[in-house]
Amino acid sequence: MEATPSRCLFLLFLFTCMLSPDVAAEIQESSDDSSAPQEPVRLTGVPAAMEFIAAAEVAVIGFFQDLEIPTVPVFRGVVKKFQDVSFGISTDSEVLAHYNITENTISLFRLVDNEHLILGSEDVESIDDTRLSRFIEINSLHFVTEYNPVTVIGLFNSMVQIHLLLIMDKASPEYEESMHRYHKAAKLFQGKILFILVDSGVKENGKVISFFKLNKSELPALAIYRTLDEEWDTLNVAEVSVELVQNFCDGFLKGKRLSESHDTEEKTQKVEL
């Protein structure tokens, strides 16, 4: 998908192509977990494949005509790096036919925006661990995706043009409960709004906070942004609730901006004075 000029401006503002060592290490640490499954699930029928995809927020499936090709060990090797991604593998002719697979293919299925991304035969034949890992890192969008310089690429490549950001410190005592409610609210806007977590405790994320003209003292906060025209709004939140998030999103979708209301209130107060 081709990026619009406004998207490019926002992307250039938020991140650079070169990751700092600290950020790169954090991304690697978050994606590497020895407790993750060590082998992809073998999918031997169409119902099994459909159920597998429907049950995962992000599913990556290797559709191979032959398990002896060099790509298969590479595919198996990246499984342990991604604890929040479901991996499957299939050589079943009916499964391949159902998904219109005519050559060796690696596909990523996303529930949050019903996206299906494909690495075709030419890419698959030359794929290595680094490139396959990066493809998965960039495109692994969940109901709530944590912002970093890698996931932001996938976020802005999504067809969903409205992004909601919860900006808060992951070290805060309220984090776990807030995330539970935020995740619950995200499911109400599947396919309409991408929900993002921005950890205000990460120094590099200061660019995001300043873009929305927020100060640390105003956090936690919600920020909503439309990539098409760069329209945005913010809301300071003392406590995250499903109802609060839903009302904020519904208002933005209907064209209501809290900042406009605040401006009107300030003007009214000045007149009264």
Protein backbone atom coordinates (compact mmCIF):
# COMPACT_ATOMS: atom_id res chain seq x y z
CA MET A 1 0.00 0.00 0.00
CA GLU A 2 1.40 3.38 -0.99
CA ALA A 3 1.82 5.90 1.82
CA THR A 4 0.13 9.29 1.53
CA PRO A 5 2.21 12.49 2.01
CA SER A 6 0.67 13.07 5.46
CA ARG A 7 1.58 9.54 6.48
CA CYS A 8 5.16 10.08 5.37
CA LEU A 9 5.44 13.32 7.34
CA PHE A 10 4.16 11.68 10.49
CA LEU A 11 6.42 8.68 10.04
CA LEU A 12 9.46 10.87 9.51
CA PHE A 13 8.62 12.77 12.67
CA LEU A 14 8.10 9.70 14.83
CA PHE A 15 11.06 7.51 13.94
CA THR A 16 14.25 7.13 11.99
CA CYS A 17 15.37 4.06 10.08
CA MET A 18 18.33 3.42 12.38
CA LEU A 19 17.29 2.07 15.78
CA SER A 20 19.23 3.05 18.87
CA PRO A 21 21.01 0.10 20.55
CA ASP A 22 18.65 0.30 23.56
CA VAL A 23 15.51 0.21 21.42
CA ALA A 24 16.83 -2.57 19.20
CA ALA A 25 17.71 -4.63 22.26
CA GLU A 26 14.26 -4.07 23.74
CA ILE A 27 12.53 -5.22 20.55
CA GLN A 28 14.72 -8.32 20.35
CA GLU A 29 14.10 -9.13 24.02
CA SER A 30 10.33 -8.77 23.65
CA SER A 31 10.22 -11.08 20.63
CA ASP A 32 12.55 -13.76 21.99
CA ASP A 33 11.06 -16.07 24.62
CA SER A 34 12.13 -19.62 25.35
CA SER A 35 8.61 -20.46 26.60
CA ALA A 36 7.14 -19.96 23.11
CA PRO A 37 6.23 -23.07 21.06
CA GLN A 38 9.24 -24.62 19.36
CA GLU A 39 7.42 -26.09 16.34
CA PRO A 40 4.68 -24.81 14.02
CA VAL A 41 1.32 -26.58 14.16
CA ARG A 42 0.82 -29.07 11.31
CA LEU A 43 -2.41 -28.18 9.47
CA THR A 44 -3.80 -31.22 7.67
CA GLY A 45 -7.24 -30.06 6.56
CA VAL A 46 -9.19 -26.95 5.56
CA PRO A 47 -11.35 -26.87 8.74
CA ALA A 48 -8.22 -27.12 10.90
CA ALA A 49 -6.53 -24.30 8.98
CA MET A 50 -9.59 -22.04 9.18
CA GLU A 51 -9.99 -22.69 12.90
CA PHE A 52 -6.29 -22.05 13.49
CA ILE A 53 -6.42 -18.66 11.73
CA ALA A 54 -9.68 -17.61 13.41
CA ALA A 55 -8.31 -18.36 16.88
CA ALA A 56 -5.16 -16.23 16.60
CA GLU A 57 -4.74 -12.46 16.62
CA VAL A 58 -1.74 -13.02 14.35
CA ALA A 59 -1.10 -16.28 12.51
CA VAL A 60 1.84 -17.06 10.22
CA ILE A 61 1.50 -20.12 8.01
CA GLY A 62 4.05 -21.70 5.73
CA PHE A 63 2.24 -23.18 2.73
CA PHE A 64 4.81 -25.51 1.20
CA GLN A 65 4.58 -28.06 -1.58
CA ASP A 66 7.71 -29.77 -0.30
CA LEU A 67 9.13 -29.77 3.24
CA GLU A 68 12.63 -30.51 1.95
CA ILE A 69 13.22 -27.02 0.53
CA PRO A 70 15.80 -24.79 2.34
CA THR A 71 13.10 -22.30 3.44
CA VAL A 72 11.44 -24.77 5.82
CA PRO A 73 14.30 -24.87 8.40
CA VAL A 74 14.39 -21.05 8.31
CA PHE A 75 10.64 -20.93 8.94
CA ARG A 76 10.88 -23.41 11.81
CA GLY A 77 13.80 -21.47 13.26
CA VAL A 78 11.92 -18.19 13.77
CA VAL A 79 9.00 -19.77 15.66
CA LYS A 80 10.65 -19.50 19.07
CA LYS A 81 11.25 -15.77 18.63
CA PHE A 82 7.58 -14.75 18.69
CA GLN A 83 5.58 -15.75 21.74
CA ASP A 84 2.47 -13.81 20.67
CA VAL A 85 2.26 -15.19 17.12
CA SER A 86 0.74 -18.55 16.15
CA PHE A 87 2.72 -20.53 13.58
CA GLY A 88 1.35 -23.22 11.30
CA ILE A 89 2.67 -25.26 8.40
CA SER A 90 0.83 -27.18 5.69
CA THR A 91 1.53 -29.28 2.62
CA ASP A 92 -2.07 -30.47 2.36
CA SER A 93 -3.26 -30.07 -1.24
CA GLU A 94 -6.81 -29.16 -0.16
CA VAL A 95 -5.53 -26.48 2.21
CA LEU A 96 -3.28 -25.00 -0.47
CA ALA A 97 -6.14 -25.01 -2.98
CA HIS A 98 -8.51 -23.37 -0.48
CA TYR A 99 -6.12 -20.43 -0.04
CA ASN A 100 -5.26 -20.31 -3.77
CA ILE A 101 -1.67 -21.35 -3.12
CA THR A 102 0.09 -22.54 -6.26
CA GLU A 103 3.69 -22.11 -5.08
CA ASN A 104 5.67 -22.08 -1.85
CA THR A 105 4.27 -19.20 0.19
CA ILE A 106 4.46 -17.74 3.69
CA SER A 107 1.29 -15.92 4.74
CA LEU A 108 0.51 -13.68 7.70
CA PHE A 109 -3.13 -13.38 8.81
CA ARG A 110 -4.21 -10.53 11.11
CA LEU A 111 -7.48 -10.50 13.01
CA VAL A 112 -7.39 -6.82 14.00
CA ASP A 113 -7.92 -5.55 10.43
CA ASN A 114 -8.66 -8.84 8.61
CA GLU A 115 -5.46 -8.43 6.61
CA HIS A 116 -3.75 -11.24 4.71
CA LEU A 117 -0.13 -10.54 3.75
CA ILE A 118 1.86 -12.82 1.48
CA LEU A 119 5.49 -13.59 0.83
CA GLY A 120 5.45 -15.15 -2.63
CA SER A 121 7.67 -17.81 -4.12
CA GLU A 122 10.42 -15.43 -5.24
CA ASP A 123 10.76 -13.94 -1.74
CA VAL A 124 10.40 -17.30 -0.02
CA GLU A 125 13.18 -18.93 -2.03
CA SER A 126 15.73 -16.32 -0.93
CA ILE A 127 14.41 -15.67 2.59
CA ASP A 128 16.71 -15.83 5.59
CA ASP A 129 16.15 -15.62 9.34
CA THR A 130 16.68 -11.86 9.52
CA ARG A 131 14.32 -10.93 6.69
CA LEU A 132 11.58 -13.33 7.78
CA SER A 133 11.82 -12.10 11.37
CA ARG A 134 11.57 -8.49 10.24
CA PHE A 135 8.54 -9.26 8.04
CA ILE A 136 6.78 -10.75 11.07
CA GLU A 137 7.88 -7.99 13.48
CA ILE A 138 6.66 -5.23 11.18
CA ASN A 139 3.30 -6.81 10.40
CA SER A 140 2.35 -8.39 13.74
CA LEU A 141 -0.48 -6.04 14.67
CA HIS A 142 -2.69 -7.11 17.57
CA PHE A 143 -5.86 -5.76 19.15
CA VAL A 144 -3.39 -3.65 21.13
CA THR A 145 0.01 -3.16 19.50
CA GLU A 146 2.90 -1.69 21.45
CA TYR A 147 4.52 1.19 19.60
CA ASN A 148 8.18 0.96 18.61
CA PRO A 149 10.17 1.95 15.50
CA VAL A 150 9.47 -1.46 13.92
CA THR A 151 5.73 -1.90 14.57
CA VAL A 152 5.01 1.68 13.47
CA ILE A 153 5.79 0.64 9.88
CA GLY A 154 3.11 -2.04 9.96
CA LEU A 155 0.65 0.32 11.66
CA PHE A 156 0.95 2.88 8.88
CA ASN A 157 0.74 0.22 6.18
CA SER A 158 -2.63 -0.96 7.48
CA MET A 159 -5.80 -0.03 5.63
CA VAL A 160 -7.23 1.19 8.95
CA GLN A 161 -6.58 4.94 8.96
CA ILE A 162 -7.53 5.86 12.53
CA HIS A 163 -5.13 5.10 15.38
CA LEU A 164 -5.85 5.38 19.10
CA LEU A 165 -2.84 5.67 21.39
CA LEU A 166 -2.83 5.01 25.11
CA ILE A 167 0.20 6.87 26.40
CA MET A 168 1.18 5.68 29.86
CA ASP A 169 4.10 4.32 31.84
CA LYS A 170 4.20 0.52 31.84
CA ALA A 171 5.82 0.67 35.27
CA SER A 172 2.80 2.38 36.84
CA PRO A 173 0.67 0.39 39.33
CA GLU A 174 -2.43 0.96 37.19
CA TYR A 175 -0.88 -0.46 34.02
CA GLU A 176 -2.18 -4.05 34.13
CA GLU A 177 -5.79 -3.13 34.86
CA SER A 178 -5.71 -0.27 32.35
CA MET A 179 -4.43 -2.59 29.63
CA HIS A 180 -7.14 -5.14 30.39
CA ARG A 181 -9.84 -2.51 29.87
CA TYR A 182 -8.09 -0.98 26.87
CA HIS A 183 -7.83 -4.39 25.19
CA LYS A 184 -11.52 -5.02 25.85
CA ALA A 185 -12.43 -1.69 24.24
CA ALA A 186 -10.21 -2.45 21.24
CA LYS A 187 -12.40 -5.38 20.24
CA LEU A 188 -15.37 -3.02 19.90
CA PHE A 189 -13.60 -1.15 17.09
CA GLN A 190 -12.09 -4.05 15.14
CA GLY A 191 -11.44 -2.96 11.57
CA LYS A 192 -12.21 0.70 12.38
CA ILE A 193 -9.48 1.84 14.77
CA LEU A 194 -6.03 0.44 15.56
CA PHE A 195 -5.30 0.50 19.30
CA ILE A 196 -1.71 1.28 20.25
CA LEU A 197 0.19 1.39 23.53
CA VAL A 198 2.96 3.98 23.89
CA ASP A 199 5.17 3.42 26.93
CA SER A 200 5.91 6.90 28.28
CA GLY A 201 8.72 5.39 30.32
CA VAL A 202 10.75 4.82 27.14
CA LYS A 203 12.88 7.87 26.38
CA GLU A 204 12.58 7.52 22.60
CA ASN A 205 8.78 7.74 22.83
CA GLY A 206 9.08 11.38 23.85
CA LYS A 207 8.66 12.24 20.15
CA VAL A 208 5.15 10.83 20.21
CA ILE A 209 4.24 12.70 23.38
CA SER A 210 5.52 16.01 22.02
CA PHE A 211 3.74 15.49 18.67
CA PHE A 212 0.42 15.53 20.49
CA LYS A 213 1.53 18.57 22.53
CA LEU A 214 1.35 16.66 25.80
CA ASN A 215 3.50 17.06 28.89
CA LYS A 216 4.57 14.24 31.19
CA SER A 217 2.36 15.75 33.91
CA GLU A 218 -0.69 15.24 31.66
CA LEU A 219 -0.19 11.48 31.38
CA PRO A 220 -1.71 8.97 31.12
CA ALA A 221 -3.62 10.21 28.10
CA LEU A 222 -5.45 9.01 25.02
CA ALA A 223 -4.51 10.41 21.63
CA ILE A 224 -6.46 9.65 18.47
CA TYR A 225 -5.06 10.29 15.00
CA ARG A 226 -6.36 9.96 11.44
CA THR A 227 -3.61 9.31 8.90
CA LEU A 228 -5.61 10.59 5.92
CA ASP A 229 -5.72 14.25 7.00
CA GLU A 230 -3.60 14.26 10.21
CA GLU A 231 -6.63 15.23 12.29
CA TRP A 232 -6.06 14.38 15.96
CA ASP A 233 -7.39 14.89 19.46
CA THR A 234 -6.30 14.06 23.00
CA LEU A 235 -7.92 13.25 26.32
CA ASN A 236 -6.23 13.17 29.71
CA VAL A 237 -7.38 10.14 31.69
CA ALA A 238 -7.13 9.60 35.42
CA GLU A 239 -8.47 6.08 34.93
CA VAL A 240 -8.91 4.01 31.77
CA SER A 241 -12.36 2.49 31.36
CA VAL A 242 -14.09 0.77 28.45
CA GLU A 243 -16.87 3.37 28.48
CA LEU A 244 -14.45 6.31 28.45
CA VAL A 245 -12.45 4.87 25.56
CA GLN A 246 -15.60 4.00 23.63
CA ASN A 247 -17.09 7.47 24.04
CA PHE A 248 -13.84 9.15 23.00
CA CYS A 249 -13.58 7.00 19.86
CA ASP A 250 -17.26 7.37 18.97
CA GLY A 251 -16.99 11.13 19.31
CA PHE A 252 -13.99 11.31 16.98
CA LEU A 253 -15.69 9.06 14.42
CA LYS A 254 -18.66 11.44 14.47
CA GLY A 255 -16.41 14.44 13.91
CA LYS A 256 -16.46 15.76 17.48
CA ARG A 257 -13.17 17.03 18.90
CA LEU A 258 -12.67 17.69 22.59
CA SER A 259 -10.06 20.35 21.83
CA GLU A 260 -12.70 22.35 19.94
CA SER A 261 -14.99 22.12 22.95
CA HIS A 262 -12.19 23.29 25.20
CA ASP A 263 -11.49 26.23 22.89
CA THR A 264 -15.17 27.19 22.96
CA GLU A 265 -15.28 26.96 26.74
CA GLU A 266 -12.19 29.16 27.09
CA LYS A 267 -13.65 31.79 24.76
CA THR A 268 -16.96 31.74 26.66
CA GLN A 269 -15.19 32.19 29.97
CA LYS A 270 -13.20 35.13 28.62
CA VAL A 271 -16.40 36.83 27.41
CA GLU A 272 -18.06 36.33 30.80
CA LEU A 273 -15.06 37.84 32.55
